[in-house]
Amino acid sequence: MARVRASLGEFDYILEGDREIAPEEQTVFRLKPLSWRDREAISEQQVFTTRSGMGYVPANQEAKIRKILSAGLMGWRNLRDENGSDVAFSMEVKGGERRIPDELLERIAPFRMELTEAILDASSLGADAKKNST
């Protein structure tokens, strides 16, 4: 039997490092899976490689991460800066495209990859569903 995602609805995501602390201390990110249109726009970007000290890396990896986060990150609760102040979530529109401002991308730099992976995982069938669909 073929299986598909239940919906493109939003869901809460707690960082792996926050899962062992008290719920009231956890930062909760509001995510959603990528739509077909989102994935199409991201895959249209050409991939070039450059030589870095760590080997060949996609030159546009950061642009893809921005597009994934811009499409899949819908907000957050309880994200605080080093002074304990709330960090407000916002988006901007540039060139007709909704995107996360550079300042916020910098502020969530330690979590960008984990959030990107969570969005991508939610955008495809899980391993059990894939196994059950064959």
N, C-alpha and C. Protein backbone atom coordinates (compact mmCIF):
# COMPACT_ATOMS: atom_id res chain seq x y z
N MET A 1 0.83 -1.17 0.00
CA MET A 1 0.00 0.00 0.00
C MET A 1 0.89 1.24 0.00
N ALA A 2 0.58 2.18 -0.87
CA ALA A 2 1.33 3.44 -0.91
C ALA A 2 0.92 4.32 0.27
N ARG A 3 1.87 5.05 0.79
CA ARG A 3 1.59 5.96 1.91
C ARG A 3 2.14 7.34 1.57
N VAL A 4 1.43 8.35 2.04
CA VAL A 4 1.86 9.74 1.83
C VAL A 4 1.84 10.47 3.17
N ARG A 5 2.42 11.65 3.18
CA ARG A 5 2.39 12.47 4.39
C ARG A 5 0.95 12.78 4.76
N ALA A 6 0.69 12.88 6.05
CA ALA A 6 -0.65 13.17 6.52
C ALA A 6 -1.07 14.60 6.13
N SER A 7 -0.13 15.54 6.22
CA SER A 7 -0.47 16.93 5.88
C SER A 7 0.81 17.75 5.79
N LEU A 8 0.64 18.98 5.34
CA LEU A 8 1.74 19.95 5.33
C LEU A 8 1.63 20.86 6.54
N GLY A 9 0.93 20.43 7.55
CA GLY A 9 0.68 21.26 8.72
C GLY A 9 1.93 21.57 9.53
N GLU A 10 1.82 22.62 10.31
CA GLU A 10 2.92 23.04 11.18
C GLU A 10 3.04 22.09 12.36
N PHE A 11 4.26 22.02 12.92
CA PHE A 11 4.51 21.19 14.09
C PHE A 11 5.58 21.84 14.95
N ASP A 12 5.60 21.47 16.22
CA ASP A 12 6.61 21.97 17.15
C ASP A 12 7.86 21.09 17.06
N TYR A 13 9.02 21.74 17.16
CA TYR A 13 10.29 21.01 17.15
C TYR A 13 11.14 21.53 18.29
N ILE A 14 11.66 20.62 19.09
CA ILE A 14 12.56 20.98 20.20
C ILE A 14 13.94 20.46 19.84
N LEU A 15 14.94 21.32 19.95
CA LEU A 15 16.31 20.94 19.63
C LEU A 15 16.75 19.75 20.48
N GLU A 16 17.58 18.91 19.88
CA GLU A 16 18.06 17.73 20.61
C GLU A 16 18.69 18.11 21.94
N GLY A 17 19.44 19.20 21.98
CA GLY A 17 20.10 19.63 23.21
C GLY A 17 19.16 20.15 24.28
N ASP A 18 17.93 20.49 23.90
CA ASP A 18 16.94 21.01 24.85
C ASP A 18 16.01 19.93 25.39
N ARG A 19 16.04 18.75 24.81
CA ARG A 19 15.04 17.73 25.15
C ARG A 19 15.17 17.19 26.57
N GLU A 20 16.32 17.35 27.19
CA GLU A 20 16.54 16.83 28.54
C GLU A 20 16.31 17.88 29.63
N ILE A 21 16.01 19.13 29.24
CA ILE A 21 15.78 20.16 30.25
C ILE A 21 14.29 20.33 30.48
N ALA A 22 13.95 21.06 31.52
CA ALA A 22 12.54 21.26 31.89
C ALA A 22 11.78 21.90 30.73
N PRO A 23 10.56 21.45 30.47
CA PRO A 23 9.78 21.98 29.35
C PRO A 23 9.66 23.50 29.33
N GLU A 24 9.55 24.12 30.48
CA GLU A 24 9.43 25.59 30.50
C GLU A 24 10.72 26.30 30.10
N GLU A 25 11.83 25.58 30.06
CA GLU A 25 13.11 26.15 29.64
C GLU A 25 13.43 25.87 28.17
N GLN A 26 12.70 24.97 27.56
CA GLN A 26 12.97 24.58 26.18
C GLN A 26 12.56 25.66 25.19
N THR A 27 13.37 25.80 24.14
CA THR A 27 12.97 26.64 23.01
C THR A 27 12.19 25.75 22.05
N VAL A 28 11.05 26.24 21.62
CA VAL A 28 10.20 25.48 20.71
C VAL A 28 10.17 26.21 19.37
N PHE A 29 10.62 25.52 18.33
CA PHE A 29 10.60 26.07 16.97
C PHE A 29 9.35 25.54 16.28
N ARG A 30 8.66 26.42 15.59
CA ARG A 30 7.46 26.04 14.83
C ARG A 30 7.89 25.83 13.39
N LEU A 31 7.77 24.59 12.91
CA LEU A 31 8.23 24.21 11.57
C LEU A 31 7.07 23.69 10.74
N LYS A 32 7.29 23.62 9.44
CA LYS A 32 6.35 22.95 8.55
C LYS A 32 7.14 22.30 7.42
N PRO A 33 6.61 21.21 6.88
CA PRO A 33 7.28 20.56 5.75
C PRO A 33 7.28 21.48 4.53
N LEU A 34 8.22 21.25 3.64
CA LEU A 34 8.28 22.01 2.40
C LEU A 34 7.18 21.53 1.45
N SER A 35 6.58 22.46 0.77
CA SER A 35 5.60 22.10 -0.26
C SER A 35 6.37 21.70 -1.52
N TRP A 36 5.63 21.15 -2.47
CA TRP A 36 6.24 20.79 -3.76
C TRP A 36 6.86 22.03 -4.39
N ARG A 37 6.15 23.16 -4.34
CA ARG A 37 6.64 24.41 -4.93
C ARG A 37 7.93 24.87 -4.23
N ASP A 38 7.98 24.75 -2.91
CA ASP A 38 9.20 25.12 -2.16
C ASP A 38 10.38 24.28 -2.62
N ARG A 39 10.17 22.96 -2.71
CA ARG A 39 11.26 22.07 -3.12
C ARG A 39 11.70 22.33 -4.54
N GLU A 40 10.75 22.65 -5.40
CA GLU A 40 11.07 22.96 -6.79
C GLU A 40 11.93 24.22 -6.87
N ALA A 41 11.57 25.25 -6.11
CA ALA A 41 12.34 26.50 -6.12
C ALA A 41 13.76 26.27 -5.58
N ILE A 42 13.88 25.44 -4.57
CA ILE A 42 15.20 25.17 -3.99
C ILE A 42 16.05 24.36 -4.95
N SER A 43 15.46 23.37 -5.61
CA SER A 43 16.24 22.52 -6.51
C SER A 43 16.63 23.23 -7.81
N GLU A 44 15.95 24.34 -8.14
CA GLU A 44 16.30 25.08 -9.34
C GLU A 44 17.63 25.81 -9.23
N GLN A 45 18.11 25.98 -8.00
CA GLN A 45 19.39 26.64 -7.83
C GLN A 45 20.49 25.76 -8.39
N GLN A 46 21.36 26.34 -9.17
CA GLN A 46 22.47 25.58 -9.71
C GLN A 46 23.49 25.30 -8.62
N VAL A 47 24.16 24.17 -8.73
CA VAL A 47 25.16 23.79 -7.74
C VAL A 47 26.54 23.94 -8.35
N PHE A 48 27.35 24.74 -7.73
CA PHE A 48 28.75 24.89 -8.11
C PHE A 48 29.58 24.50 -6.91
N THR A 49 30.80 24.08 -7.13
CA THR A 49 31.64 23.73 -6.01
C THR A 49 32.89 24.60 -6.01
N THR A 50 33.39 24.82 -4.83
CA THR A 50 34.63 25.56 -4.65
C THR A 50 35.56 24.73 -3.78
N ARG A 51 36.82 24.97 -3.89
CA ARG A 51 37.79 24.24 -3.08
C ARG A 51 37.98 25.00 -1.77
N SER A 52 37.74 24.33 -0.66
CA SER A 52 37.99 24.93 0.65
C SER A 52 38.98 24.05 1.40
N GLY A 53 39.37 24.47 2.58
CA GLY A 53 40.29 23.69 3.37
C GLY A 53 39.74 22.33 3.75
N MET A 54 38.42 22.15 3.69
CA MET A 54 37.80 20.89 4.09
C MET A 54 37.38 20.06 2.89
N GLY A 55 37.80 20.41 1.73
CA GLY A 55 37.42 19.67 0.53
C GLY A 55 36.45 20.46 -0.31
N TYR A 56 35.78 19.80 -1.22
CA TYR A 56 34.83 20.48 -2.09
C TYR A 56 33.50 20.64 -1.36
N VAL A 57 32.97 21.83 -1.40
CA VAL A 57 31.67 22.10 -0.77
C VAL A 57 30.80 22.86 -1.75
N PRO A 58 29.49 22.66 -1.69
CA PRO A 58 28.61 23.43 -2.57
C PRO A 58 28.71 24.92 -2.24
N ALA A 59 28.96 25.72 -3.24
CA ALA A 59 29.12 27.16 -3.02
C ALA A 59 27.82 27.80 -2.58
N ASN A 60 26.70 27.22 -2.96
CA ASN A 60 25.41 27.82 -2.62
C ASN A 60 24.71 27.11 -1.47
N GLN A 61 25.43 26.38 -0.67
CA GLN A 61 24.82 25.65 0.45
C GLN A 61 24.09 26.60 1.39
N GLU A 62 24.70 27.73 1.71
CA GLU A 62 24.05 28.69 2.61
C GLU A 62 22.78 29.25 2.00
N ALA A 63 22.77 29.46 0.69
CA ALA A 63 21.56 29.96 0.02
C ALA A 63 20.45 28.92 0.11
N LYS A 64 20.79 27.66 -0.04
CA LYS A 64 19.78 26.60 0.07
C LYS A 64 19.25 26.51 1.50
N ILE A 65 20.13 26.61 2.47
CA ILE A 65 19.70 26.58 3.88
C ILE A 65 18.75 27.75 4.15
N ARG A 66 19.09 28.94 3.66
CA ARG A 66 18.21 30.10 3.84
C ARG A 66 16.84 29.83 3.24
N LYS A 67 16.80 29.27 2.03
CA LYS A 67 15.51 29.00 1.36
C LYS A 67 14.71 27.95 2.13
N ILE A 68 15.36 26.92 2.61
CA ILE A 68 14.67 25.88 3.37
C ILE A 68 14.11 26.47 4.67
N LEU A 69 14.93 27.22 5.39
CA LEU A 69 14.47 27.82 6.64
C LEU A 69 13.39 28.87 6.39
N SER A 70 13.53 29.63 5.33
CA SER A 70 12.52 30.65 5.02
C SER A 70 11.17 30.03 4.71
N ALA A 71 11.19 28.86 4.09
CA ALA A 71 9.94 28.19 3.74
C ALA A 71 9.38 27.37 4.90
N GLY A 72 10.26 26.80 5.73
CA GLY A 72 9.81 25.85 6.74
C GLY A 72 9.82 26.32 8.18
N LEU A 73 10.51 27.41 8.49
CA LEU A 73 10.54 27.93 9.86
C LEU A 73 9.45 28.99 10.00
N MET A 74 8.46 28.70 10.83
CA MET A 74 7.30 29.56 10.95
C MET A 74 7.33 30.44 12.19
N GLY A 75 8.21 30.14 13.11
CA GLY A 75 8.31 30.95 14.33
C GLY A 75 8.99 30.17 15.44
N TRP A 76 9.01 30.78 16.62
CA TRP A 76 9.57 30.10 17.79
C TRP A 76 9.02 30.71 19.05
N ARG A 77 9.18 29.95 20.14
CA ARG A 77 8.82 30.41 21.48
C ARG A 77 10.02 30.16 22.38
N ASN A 78 10.22 31.09 23.29
CA ASN A 78 11.22 30.93 24.34
C ASN A 78 12.66 30.89 23.81
N LEU A 79 12.94 31.65 22.77
CA LEU A 79 14.32 31.81 22.30
C LEU A 79 14.85 33.09 22.92
N ARG A 80 15.93 32.95 23.65
CA ARG A 80 16.48 34.09 24.39
C ARG A 80 17.93 34.35 23.99
N ASP A 81 18.33 35.61 24.12
CA ASP A 81 19.73 35.95 23.85
C ASP A 81 20.55 35.77 25.11
N GLU A 82 21.84 36.09 25.05
CA GLU A 82 22.75 35.89 26.18
C GLU A 82 22.37 36.71 27.40
N ASN A 83 21.56 37.75 27.22
CA ASN A 83 21.11 38.59 28.34
C ASN A 83 19.76 38.12 28.90
N GLY A 84 19.20 37.07 28.33
CA GLY A 84 17.93 36.56 28.79
C GLY A 84 16.72 37.23 28.16
N SER A 85 16.96 38.10 27.19
CA SER A 85 15.86 38.79 26.52
C SER A 85 15.29 37.92 25.41
N ASP A 86 13.97 37.99 25.23
CA ASP A 86 13.32 37.25 24.14
C ASP A 86 13.84 37.74 22.79
N VAL A 87 14.06 36.80 21.89
CA VAL A 87 14.41 37.13 20.51
C VAL A 87 13.12 36.99 19.69
N ALA A 88 12.68 38.08 19.11
CA ALA A 88 11.44 38.08 18.33
C ALA A 88 11.67 37.46 16.96
N PHE A 89 10.70 36.68 16.52
CA PHE A 89 10.75 36.08 15.19
C PHE A 89 10.15 37.07 14.19
N SER A 90 10.78 37.17 13.03
CA SER A 90 10.24 38.02 11.97
C SER A 90 10.69 37.49 10.62
N MET A 91 10.00 37.91 9.59
CA MET A 91 10.36 37.60 8.22
C MET A 91 10.37 38.91 7.45
N GLU A 92 11.05 38.91 6.32
CA GLU A 92 11.04 40.07 5.44
C GLU A 92 10.70 39.59 4.04
N VAL A 93 10.29 40.53 3.21
CA VAL A 93 10.00 40.20 1.82
C VAL A 93 11.01 40.96 0.97
N LYS A 94 11.79 40.20 0.20
CA LYS A 94 12.78 40.78 -0.70
C LYS A 94 12.58 40.17 -2.07
N GLY A 95 12.39 41.00 -3.07
CA GLY A 95 12.18 40.51 -4.42
C GLY A 95 10.94 39.63 -4.52
N GLY A 96 9.93 39.94 -3.72
CA GLY A 96 8.70 39.17 -3.73
C GLY A 96 8.80 37.84 -3.02
N GLU A 97 9.90 37.59 -2.33
CA GLU A 97 10.14 36.31 -1.68
C GLU A 97 10.22 36.49 -0.17
N ARG A 98 9.51 35.66 0.57
CA ARG A 98 9.54 35.67 2.03
C ARG A 98 10.85 35.04 2.48
N ARG A 99 11.57 35.74 3.35
CA ARG A 99 12.85 35.18 3.81
C ARG A 99 13.19 35.64 5.22
N ILE A 100 14.04 34.87 5.84
CA ILE A 100 14.50 35.20 7.19
C ILE A 100 15.56 36.29 7.08
N PRO A 101 15.46 37.34 7.89
CA PRO A 101 16.48 38.39 7.86
C PRO A 101 17.86 37.86 8.25
N ASP A 102 18.89 38.45 7.68
CA ASP A 102 20.27 38.04 7.97
C ASP A 102 20.56 38.02 9.46
N GLU A 103 20.08 39.02 10.17
CA GLU A 103 20.35 39.11 11.62
C GLU A 103 19.84 37.86 12.35
N LEU A 104 18.65 37.40 12.00
CA LEU A 104 18.11 36.21 12.66
C LEU A 104 18.85 34.95 12.23
N LEU A 105 19.26 34.88 10.97
CA LEU A 105 20.06 33.72 10.53
C LEU A 105 21.36 33.63 11.32
N GLU A 106 21.97 34.78 11.58
CA GLU A 106 23.20 34.80 12.38
C GLU A 106 22.91 34.36 13.82
N ARG A 107 21.80 34.82 14.37
CA ARG A 107 21.48 34.52 15.76
C ARG A 107 21.17 33.04 15.97
N ILE A 108 20.60 32.38 14.97
CA ILE A 108 20.29 30.95 15.11
C ILE A 108 21.35 30.06 14.45
N ALA A 109 22.50 30.63 14.15
CA ALA A 109 23.57 29.89 13.46
C ALA A 109 23.87 28.53 14.10
N PRO A 110 23.93 28.41 15.43
CA PRO A 110 24.26 27.10 15.99
C PRO A 110 23.20 26.02 15.72
N PHE A 111 21.99 26.44 15.35
CA PHE A 111 20.89 25.50 15.18
C PHE A 111 20.43 25.35 13.73
N ARG A 112 21.03 26.09 12.82
CA ARG A 112 20.54 26.10 11.43
C ARG A 112 20.50 24.71 10.80
N MET A 113 21.55 23.94 10.96
CA MET A 113 21.60 22.62 10.31
C MET A 113 20.57 21.67 10.91
N GLU A 114 20.45 21.67 12.23
CA GLU A 114 19.47 20.78 12.86
C GLU A 114 18.04 21.15 12.43
N LEU A 115 17.74 22.44 12.38
CA LEU A 115 16.41 22.88 11.95
C LEU A 115 16.17 22.53 10.48
N THR A 116 17.19 22.73 9.65
CA THR A 116 17.07 22.40 8.22
C THR A 116 16.80 20.92 8.05
N GLU A 117 17.53 20.08 8.78
CA GLU A 117 17.33 18.63 8.68
C GLU A 117 15.94 18.24 9.16
N ALA A 118 15.44 18.88 10.21
CA ALA A 118 14.10 18.57 10.71
C ALA A 118 13.04 18.92 9.66
N ILE A 119 13.22 20.04 8.99
CA ILE A 119 12.28 20.44 7.93
C ILE A 119 12.33 19.45 6.78
N LEU A 120 13.54 19.08 6.36
CA LEU A 120 13.68 18.12 5.25
C LEU A 120 13.13 16.75 5.62
N ASP A 121 13.38 16.31 6.85
CA ASP A 121 12.83 15.02 7.29
C ASP A 121 11.31 15.04 7.26
N ALA A 122 10.72 16.13 7.70
CA ALA A 122 9.25 16.24 7.70
C ALA A 122 8.70 16.35 6.29
N SER A 123 9.55 16.70 5.33
CA SER A 123 9.11 16.90 3.95
C SER A 123 9.11 15.62 3.13
N SER A 124 9.54 14.52 3.73
CA SER A 124 9.56 13.24 3.02
C SER A 124 9.00 12.18 3.94
N LEU A 125 8.69 11.04 3.38
CA LEU A 125 8.21 9.93 4.19
C LEU A 125 9.31 9.46 5.13
N GLY A 126 8.93 9.06 6.33
CA GLY A 126 9.88 8.49 7.28
C GLY A 126 10.32 7.11 6.86
N ALA A 127 11.34 6.60 7.47
CA ALA A 127 11.90 5.29 7.10
C ALA A 127 10.85 4.18 7.22
N ASP A 128 10.04 4.17 8.27
CA ASP A 128 9.02 3.14 8.45
C ASP A 128 7.98 3.22 7.34
N ALA A 129 7.54 4.45 7.01
CA ALA A 129 6.54 4.60 5.97
C ALA A 129 7.10 4.17 4.62
N LYS A 130 8.37 4.51 4.35
CA LYS A 130 8.99 4.09 3.09
C LYS A 130 9.04 2.57 3.01
N LYS A 131 9.48 1.93 4.11
CA LYS A 131 9.58 0.48 4.16
C LYS A 131 8.19 -0.15 3.94
N ASN A 132 7.16 0.43 4.55
CA ASN A 132 5.82 -0.12 4.45
C ASN A 132 5.18 0.16 3.10
N SER A 133 5.72 1.12 2.33
CA SER A 133 5.11 1.45 1.05
C SER A 133 5.66 0.60 -0.10
N THR A 134 6.67 -0.24 0.19
CA THR A 134 7.22 -1.07 -0.88
C THR A 134 6.68 -2.47 -0.83
